Amino acid sequence: MIEKIFNCTRCGFCCHGETTVSLDEQDVANMQKCLALSREELIERYLRVTSGQIQMKIVDGHCIFYDKNIGCKVHLGRPWRCRQWPLHPALLKDGSNFSIIAESCPGLQNDMQYEEFSHLLKEILVQKEADGGWKVKL
């Protein structure tokens, strides 16, 4: 159902910035498996721990896993927040959020009315939370 409203183009727009997402233990385990690294190696090479929060390092203004030639180097093991983006619950609260994100994300289907998009997104978010894949508060 996600494909009706979003198909990631791996453009990397969401990977740029001076901050990154916080990781939970499942995110760390997924990255370990994807990169075939021990937890210690993964943290040393790619992550930062600040006040108990684990995040991906930033290099040259983007996530350490972003490569301009291939996109995300851990796409199959990326964190749940990255998997969720740009299908964030905030899109359900305000149509202007949808307009802003649609302008920057080429994978977001913006050729449908906001009401139809919102209806489909809510169904997706409810299903993903039920499946345990995304942590969603509607």
N, C-alpha and C. Protein backbone atom coordinates (compact mmCIF):
# COMPACT_ATOMS: atom_id res chain seq x y z
N MET A 1 0.81 -1.19 0.00
CA MET A 1 0.00 0.00 0.00
C MET A 1 0.86 1.27 0.00
N ILE A 2 2.05 1.22 0.61
CA ILE A 2 2.93 2.39 0.65
C ILE A 2 3.19 2.91 -0.75
N GLU A 3 3.35 2.01 -1.71
CA GLU A 3 3.69 2.40 -3.07
C GLU A 3 2.67 3.34 -3.69
N LYS A 4 1.45 3.35 -3.16
CA LYS A 4 0.42 4.25 -3.68
C LYS A 4 0.75 5.71 -3.37
N ILE A 5 1.52 5.93 -2.28
CA ILE A 5 1.81 7.31 -1.91
C ILE A 5 3.31 7.63 -1.84
N PHE A 6 4.16 6.59 -1.83
CA PHE A 6 5.59 6.87 -1.71
C PHE A 6 6.44 5.75 -2.31
N ASN A 7 7.43 6.15 -3.09
CA ASN A 7 8.46 5.25 -3.62
C ASN A 7 9.80 5.95 -3.47
N CYS A 8 10.63 5.46 -2.59
CA CYS A 8 11.91 6.10 -2.32
C CYS A 8 12.78 6.10 -3.58
N THR A 9 13.30 7.26 -3.93
CA THR A 9 14.19 7.39 -5.08
C THR A 9 15.66 7.35 -4.65
N ARG A 10 15.89 7.27 -3.35
CA ARG A 10 17.23 7.27 -2.76
C ARG A 10 18.02 8.51 -3.17
N CYS A 11 17.32 9.63 -3.25
CA CYS A 11 17.94 10.90 -3.64
C CYS A 11 18.86 11.45 -2.56
N GLY A 12 18.61 11.08 -1.31
CA GLY A 12 19.46 11.51 -0.21
C GLY A 12 19.08 12.83 0.43
N PHE A 13 18.02 13.47 -0.05
CA PHE A 13 17.64 14.75 0.54
C PHE A 13 17.41 14.62 2.04
N CYS A 14 16.75 13.56 2.46
CA CYS A 14 16.44 13.36 3.87
C CYS A 14 17.68 12.98 4.70
N CYS A 15 18.78 12.66 4.03
CA CYS A 15 20.01 12.27 4.70
C CYS A 15 20.92 13.46 5.02
N HIS A 16 20.56 14.63 4.50
CA HIS A 16 21.38 15.81 4.68
C HIS A 16 20.94 16.64 5.87
N GLY A 17 21.90 17.27 6.50
CA GLY A 17 21.63 18.13 7.65
C GLY A 17 22.70 17.93 8.70
N GLU A 18 22.65 18.72 9.72
CA GLU A 18 23.64 18.66 10.79
C GLU A 18 23.20 17.81 11.97
N THR A 19 22.02 17.20 11.85
CA THR A 19 21.54 16.28 12.89
C THR A 19 21.10 14.99 12.20
N THR A 20 20.91 13.98 12.99
CA THR A 20 20.46 12.70 12.48
C THR A 20 19.48 12.09 13.47
N VAL A 21 18.96 10.95 13.16
CA VAL A 21 17.94 10.33 14.02
C VAL A 21 18.59 9.57 15.18
N SER A 22 17.83 9.47 16.27
CA SER A 22 18.26 8.63 17.39
C SER A 22 17.90 7.20 17.05
N LEU A 23 18.72 6.27 17.51
CA LEU A 23 18.54 4.86 17.22
C LEU A 23 18.06 4.12 18.45
N ASP A 24 17.21 3.13 18.25
CA ASP A 24 16.86 2.24 19.35
C ASP A 24 17.69 0.96 19.20
N GLU A 25 17.53 0.05 20.12
CA GLU A 25 18.34 -1.17 20.10
C GLU A 25 18.10 -2.02 18.85
N GLN A 26 16.87 -2.05 18.36
CA GLN A 26 16.58 -2.81 17.14
C GLN A 26 17.28 -2.18 15.94
N ASP A 27 17.33 -0.85 15.89
CA ASP A 27 18.05 -0.16 14.82
C ASP A 27 19.53 -0.57 14.81
N VAL A 28 20.13 -0.56 16.00
CA VAL A 28 21.54 -0.93 16.11
C VAL A 28 21.75 -2.37 15.66
N ALA A 29 20.87 -3.27 16.08
CA ALA A 29 20.98 -4.68 15.68
C ALA A 29 20.82 -4.84 14.16
N ASN A 30 19.88 -4.11 13.57
CA ASN A 30 19.69 -4.18 12.12
C ASN A 30 20.93 -3.69 11.37
N MET A 31 21.53 -2.61 11.86
CA MET A 31 22.73 -2.09 11.21
C MET A 31 23.91 -3.05 11.38
N GLN A 32 24.02 -3.64 12.56
CA GLN A 32 25.08 -4.63 12.79
C GLN A 32 24.98 -5.76 11.76
N LYS A 33 23.77 -6.26 11.60
CA LYS A 33 23.55 -7.37 10.67
C LYS A 33 23.84 -6.94 9.24
N CYS A 34 23.35 -5.78 8.86
CA CYS A 34 23.53 -5.27 7.50
C CYS A 34 25.01 -5.08 7.16
N LEU A 35 25.78 -4.59 8.13
CA LEU A 35 27.20 -4.31 7.89
C LEU A 35 28.13 -5.43 8.35
N ALA A 36 27.56 -6.46 8.96
CA ALA A 36 28.34 -7.59 9.48
C ALA A 36 29.44 -7.11 10.41
N LEU A 37 29.04 -6.26 11.38
CA LEU A 37 29.98 -5.72 12.36
C LEU A 37 29.51 -6.04 13.76
N SER A 38 30.45 -6.07 14.69
CA SER A 38 30.06 -6.20 16.09
C SER A 38 29.48 -4.86 16.54
N ARG A 39 28.78 -4.89 17.64
CA ARG A 39 28.21 -3.65 18.18
C ARG A 39 29.31 -2.63 18.44
N GLU A 40 30.40 -3.08 19.00
CA GLU A 40 31.51 -2.18 19.32
C GLU A 40 32.10 -1.55 18.06
N GLU A 41 32.30 -2.35 17.01
CA GLU A 41 32.83 -1.82 15.75
C GLU A 41 31.87 -0.82 15.12
N LEU A 42 30.59 -1.16 15.14
CA LEU A 42 29.57 -0.28 14.56
C LEU A 42 29.59 1.08 15.26
N ILE A 43 29.58 1.06 16.58
CA ILE A 43 29.58 2.31 17.34
C ILE A 43 30.86 3.09 17.08
N GLU A 44 31.99 2.44 17.12
CA GLU A 44 33.27 3.13 16.92
C GLU A 44 33.36 3.79 15.54
N ARG A 45 32.94 3.09 14.52
CA ARG A 45 33.12 3.58 13.14
C ARG A 45 32.01 4.51 12.68
N TYR A 46 30.77 4.26 13.08
CA TYR A 46 29.65 4.94 12.45
C TYR A 46 28.70 5.70 13.37
N LEU A 47 28.74 5.43 14.66
CA LEU A 47 27.75 6.01 15.56
C LEU A 47 28.38 6.92 16.59
N ARG A 48 27.54 7.72 17.22
CA ARG A 48 27.97 8.55 18.34
C ARG A 48 27.00 8.34 19.48
N VAL A 49 27.53 8.37 20.69
CA VAL A 49 26.70 8.19 21.87
C VAL A 49 26.84 9.45 22.72
N THR A 50 25.72 10.14 22.92
CA THR A 50 25.71 11.37 23.70
C THR A 50 24.60 11.29 24.73
N SER A 51 24.98 11.37 25.99
CA SER A 51 24.01 11.30 27.09
C SER A 51 23.10 10.08 26.95
N GLY A 52 23.66 8.96 26.55
CA GLY A 52 22.90 7.72 26.42
C GLY A 52 22.15 7.57 25.12
N GLN A 53 22.09 8.61 24.30
CA GLN A 53 21.41 8.54 23.00
C GLN A 53 22.40 8.10 21.93
N ILE A 54 22.00 7.12 21.15
CA ILE A 54 22.84 6.63 20.05
C ILE A 54 22.31 7.22 18.76
N GLN A 55 23.21 7.84 18.00
CA GLN A 55 22.86 8.44 16.71
C GLN A 55 23.94 8.10 15.69
N MET A 56 23.58 8.25 14.43
CA MET A 56 24.55 8.07 13.36
C MET A 56 25.41 9.33 13.29
N LYS A 57 26.68 9.16 12.97
CA LYS A 57 27.57 10.31 12.83
C LYS A 57 27.19 11.10 11.58
N ILE A 58 27.59 12.37 11.57
CA ILE A 58 27.41 13.26 10.43
C ILE A 58 28.78 13.50 9.81
N VAL A 59 28.85 13.41 8.49
CA VAL A 59 30.09 13.67 7.76
C VAL A 59 29.77 14.60 6.60
N ASP A 60 30.47 15.70 6.51
CA ASP A 60 30.27 16.66 5.41
C ASP A 60 28.81 17.07 5.24
N GLY A 61 28.11 17.25 6.36
CA GLY A 61 26.73 17.74 6.29
C GLY A 61 25.67 16.71 5.95
N HIS A 62 26.02 15.43 6.05
CA HIS A 62 25.02 14.38 5.80
C HIS A 62 25.32 13.17 6.66
N CYS A 63 24.35 12.28 6.73
CA CYS A 63 24.50 11.03 7.48
C CYS A 63 25.73 10.27 6.98
N ILE A 64 26.45 9.67 7.88
CA ILE A 64 27.67 8.93 7.53
C ILE A 64 27.40 7.79 6.54
N PHE A 65 26.18 7.31 6.50
CA PHE A 65 25.85 6.20 5.60
C PHE A 65 25.42 6.65 4.20
N TYR A 66 25.32 7.95 3.99
CA TYR A 66 24.90 8.44 2.68
C TYR A 66 26.09 8.53 1.74
N ASP A 67 25.92 7.98 0.55
CA ASP A 67 26.92 8.05 -0.52
C ASP A 67 26.24 8.64 -1.74
N LYS A 68 26.79 9.72 -2.27
CA LYS A 68 26.11 10.41 -3.38
C LYS A 68 25.95 9.54 -4.62
N ASN A 69 26.75 8.49 -4.75
CA ASN A 69 26.65 7.61 -5.92
C ASN A 69 25.65 6.47 -5.77
N ILE A 70 25.46 6.01 -4.54
CA ILE A 70 24.57 4.86 -4.33
C ILE A 70 23.42 5.13 -3.37
N GLY A 71 23.44 6.27 -2.69
CA GLY A 71 22.42 6.55 -1.69
C GLY A 71 22.82 5.98 -0.34
N CYS A 72 21.87 5.43 0.37
CA CYS A 72 22.11 4.90 1.71
C CYS A 72 22.86 3.57 1.64
N LYS A 73 23.99 3.52 2.34
CA LYS A 73 24.81 2.30 2.34
C LYS A 73 24.23 1.22 3.25
N VAL A 74 23.24 1.57 4.06
CA VAL A 74 22.59 0.58 4.92
C VAL A 74 21.08 0.58 4.67
N HIS A 75 20.70 0.80 3.43
CA HIS A 75 19.28 0.95 3.09
C HIS A 75 18.44 -0.22 3.62
N LEU A 76 18.91 -1.43 3.49
CA LEU A 76 18.14 -2.58 3.98
C LEU A 76 18.12 -2.67 5.51
N GLY A 77 19.11 -2.08 6.17
CA GLY A 77 19.18 -2.12 7.62
C GLY A 77 19.02 -0.75 8.26
N ARG A 78 18.42 0.18 7.53
CA ARG A 78 18.29 1.55 8.04
C ARG A 78 17.32 1.61 9.23
N PRO A 79 17.47 2.63 10.07
CA PRO A 79 16.61 2.78 11.25
C PRO A 79 15.14 2.95 10.89
N TRP A 80 14.27 2.62 11.84
CA TRP A 80 12.83 2.71 11.58
C TRP A 80 12.41 4.13 11.24
N ARG A 81 13.06 5.13 11.83
CA ARG A 81 12.69 6.51 11.52
C ARG A 81 13.02 6.84 10.06
N CYS A 82 14.12 6.31 9.57
CA CYS A 82 14.47 6.51 8.17
C CYS A 82 13.51 5.74 7.27
N ARG A 83 13.12 4.55 7.69
CA ARG A 83 12.14 3.77 6.92
C ARG A 83 10.81 4.51 6.85
N GLN A 84 10.46 5.18 7.92
CA GLN A 84 9.18 5.88 7.99
C GLN A 84 9.19 7.15 7.15
N TRP A 85 10.30 7.84 7.09
CA TRP A 85 10.33 9.13 6.40
C TRP A 85 10.03 8.97 4.92
N PRO A 86 9.25 9.81 4.33
CA PRO A 86 8.62 11.03 4.83
C PRO A 86 7.19 10.82 5.32
N LEU A 87 6.82 9.57 5.58
CA LEU A 87 5.44 9.25 5.96
C LEU A 87 5.25 9.45 7.47
N HIS A 88 5.46 10.66 7.89
CA HIS A 88 5.41 11.04 9.29
C HIS A 88 3.99 11.41 9.70
N PRO A 89 3.59 11.08 10.93
CA PRO A 89 2.23 11.42 11.38
C PRO A 89 1.92 12.92 11.29
N ALA A 90 2.93 13.78 11.31
CA ALA A 90 2.69 15.22 11.21
C ALA A 90 1.98 15.59 9.91
N LEU A 91 2.11 14.75 8.90
CA LEU A 91 1.43 15.01 7.63
C LEU A 91 -0.08 14.93 7.78
N LEU A 92 -0.55 14.20 8.79
CA LEU A 92 -1.99 14.06 9.02
C LEU A 92 -2.57 15.27 9.76
N LYS A 93 -1.73 16.03 10.40
CA LYS A 93 -2.19 17.14 11.21
C LYS A 93 -2.38 18.44 10.43
N ASP A 94 -1.63 18.56 9.32
CA ASP A 94 -1.66 19.83 8.61
C ASP A 94 -1.27 19.62 7.15
N GLY A 95 -2.13 20.06 6.26
CA GLY A 95 -1.86 19.94 4.83
C GLY A 95 -0.64 20.70 4.39
N SER A 96 -0.26 21.75 5.12
CA SER A 96 0.94 22.49 4.74
C SER A 96 2.20 21.65 4.97
N ASN A 97 2.17 20.77 5.97
CA ASN A 97 3.31 19.86 6.17
C ASN A 97 3.50 18.98 4.94
N PHE A 98 2.40 18.49 4.41
CA PHE A 98 2.44 17.67 3.20
C PHE A 98 3.04 18.47 2.04
N SER A 99 2.59 19.70 1.85
CA SER A 99 3.09 20.53 0.76
C SER A 99 4.59 20.77 0.87
N ILE A 100 5.06 21.06 2.06
CA ILE A 100 6.48 21.34 2.28
C ILE A 100 7.32 20.10 1.99
N ILE A 101 6.91 18.96 2.54
CA ILE A 101 7.68 17.73 2.35
C ILE A 101 7.61 17.27 0.90
N ALA A 102 6.46 17.40 0.28
CA ALA A 102 6.31 16.98 -1.12
C ALA A 102 7.22 17.78 -2.05
N GLU A 103 7.51 19.02 -1.70
CA GLU A 103 8.40 19.85 -2.52
C GLU A 103 9.84 19.36 -2.46
N SER A 104 10.24 18.74 -1.33
CA SER A 104 11.63 18.33 -1.18
C SER A 104 11.86 16.84 -1.41
N CYS A 105 10.80 16.05 -1.45
CA CYS A 105 10.95 14.60 -1.58
C CYS A 105 10.34 14.13 -2.90
N PRO A 106 11.19 13.76 -3.86
CA PRO A 106 10.66 13.32 -5.16
C PRO A 106 9.92 11.99 -5.12
N GLY A 107 10.07 11.23 -4.05
CA GLY A 107 9.40 9.94 -3.95
C GLY A 107 7.98 10.02 -3.45
N LEU A 108 7.61 11.16 -2.88
CA LEU A 108 6.27 11.34 -2.34
C LEU A 108 5.30 11.66 -3.46
N GLN A 109 4.24 10.88 -3.55
CA GLN A 109 3.24 11.08 -4.60
C GLN A 109 2.41 12.32 -4.25
N ASN A 110 2.58 13.37 -5.02
CA ASN A 110 1.85 14.59 -4.71
C ASN A 110 0.83 14.93 -5.79
N ASP A 111 0.45 13.93 -6.58
CA ASP A 111 -0.52 14.17 -7.63
C ASP A 111 -1.95 13.81 -7.20
N MET A 112 -2.14 13.55 -5.91
CA MET A 112 -3.48 13.25 -5.42
C MET A 112 -3.91 14.32 -4.43
N GLN A 113 -5.18 14.38 -4.17
CA GLN A 113 -5.71 15.34 -3.21
C GLN A 113 -5.21 14.98 -1.81
N TYR A 114 -5.02 16.01 -0.99
CA TYR A 114 -4.52 15.81 0.37
C TYR A 114 -5.42 14.87 1.17
N GLU A 115 -6.71 14.95 0.99
CA GLU A 115 -7.64 14.10 1.74
C GLU A 115 -7.41 12.62 1.42
N GLU A 116 -7.24 12.30 0.15
CA GLU A 116 -6.97 10.92 -0.25
C GLU A 116 -5.62 10.45 0.30
N PHE A 117 -4.61 11.31 0.17
CA PHE A 117 -3.28 11.00 0.69
C PHE A 117 -3.36 10.72 2.19
N SER A 118 -4.04 11.60 2.93
CA SER A 118 -4.15 11.46 4.39
C SER A 118 -4.84 10.15 4.78
N HIS A 119 -5.89 9.81 4.07
CA HIS A 119 -6.61 8.57 4.34
C HIS A 119 -5.69 7.36 4.17
N LEU A 120 -4.96 7.32 3.06
CA LEU A 120 -4.04 6.20 2.81
C LEU A 120 -2.90 6.18 3.82
N LEU A 121 -2.36 7.35 4.14
CA LEU A 121 -1.27 7.41 5.12
C LEU A 121 -1.71 6.91 6.48
N LYS A 122 -2.90 7.29 6.91
CA LYS A 122 -3.38 6.82 8.21
C LYS A 122 -3.50 5.30 8.23
N GLU A 123 -4.02 4.72 7.18
CA GLU A 123 -4.11 3.26 7.08
C GLU A 123 -2.72 2.62 7.17
N ILE A 124 -1.77 3.19 6.47
CA ILE A 124 -0.39 2.67 6.47
C ILE A 124 0.21 2.76 7.86
N LEU A 125 0.07 3.91 8.52
CA LEU A 125 0.66 4.10 9.84
C LEU A 125 0.05 3.14 10.87
N VAL A 126 -1.25 2.96 10.81
CA VAL A 126 -1.92 2.03 11.73
C VAL A 126 -1.40 0.61 11.51
N GLN A 127 -1.27 0.21 10.25
CA GLN A 127 -0.79 -1.14 9.94
C GLN A 127 0.67 -1.33 10.36
N LYS A 128 1.51 -0.34 10.08
CA LYS A 128 2.93 -0.44 10.44
C LYS A 128 3.11 -0.53 11.95
N GLU A 129 2.33 0.23 12.69
CA GLU A 129 2.43 0.16 14.14
C GLU A 129 1.95 -1.19 14.64
N ALA A 130 0.87 -1.70 14.07
CA ALA A 130 0.36 -3.02 14.46
C ALA A 130 1.37 -4.12 14.18
N ASP A 131 2.12 -3.95 13.08
CA ASP A 131 3.15 -4.92 12.72
C ASP A 131 4.41 -4.78 13.58
N GLY A 132 4.50 -3.70 14.36
CA GLY A 132 5.66 -3.46 15.20
C GLY A 132 6.83 -2.84 14.45
N GLY A 133 6.59 -2.39 13.22
CA GLY A 133 7.68 -1.83 12.42
C GLY A 133 7.98 -0.38 12.70
N TRP A 134 6.94 0.40 12.98
CA TRP A 134 7.12 1.83 13.25
C TRP A 134 6.44 2.15 14.55
N LYS A 135 6.99 3.09 15.26
CA LYS A 135 6.37 3.57 16.49
C LYS A 135 5.62 4.84 16.15
N VAL A 136 4.31 4.77 16.14
CA VAL A 136 3.48 5.86 15.66
C VAL A 136 2.51 6.30 16.74
N LYS A 137 2.37 7.61 16.89
CA LYS A 137 1.35 8.16 17.79
C LYS A 137 0.45 9.04 16.94
N LEU A 138 -0.76 8.57 16.71
CA LEU A 138 -1.71 9.35 15.90
C LEU A 138 -2.58 10.21 16.80
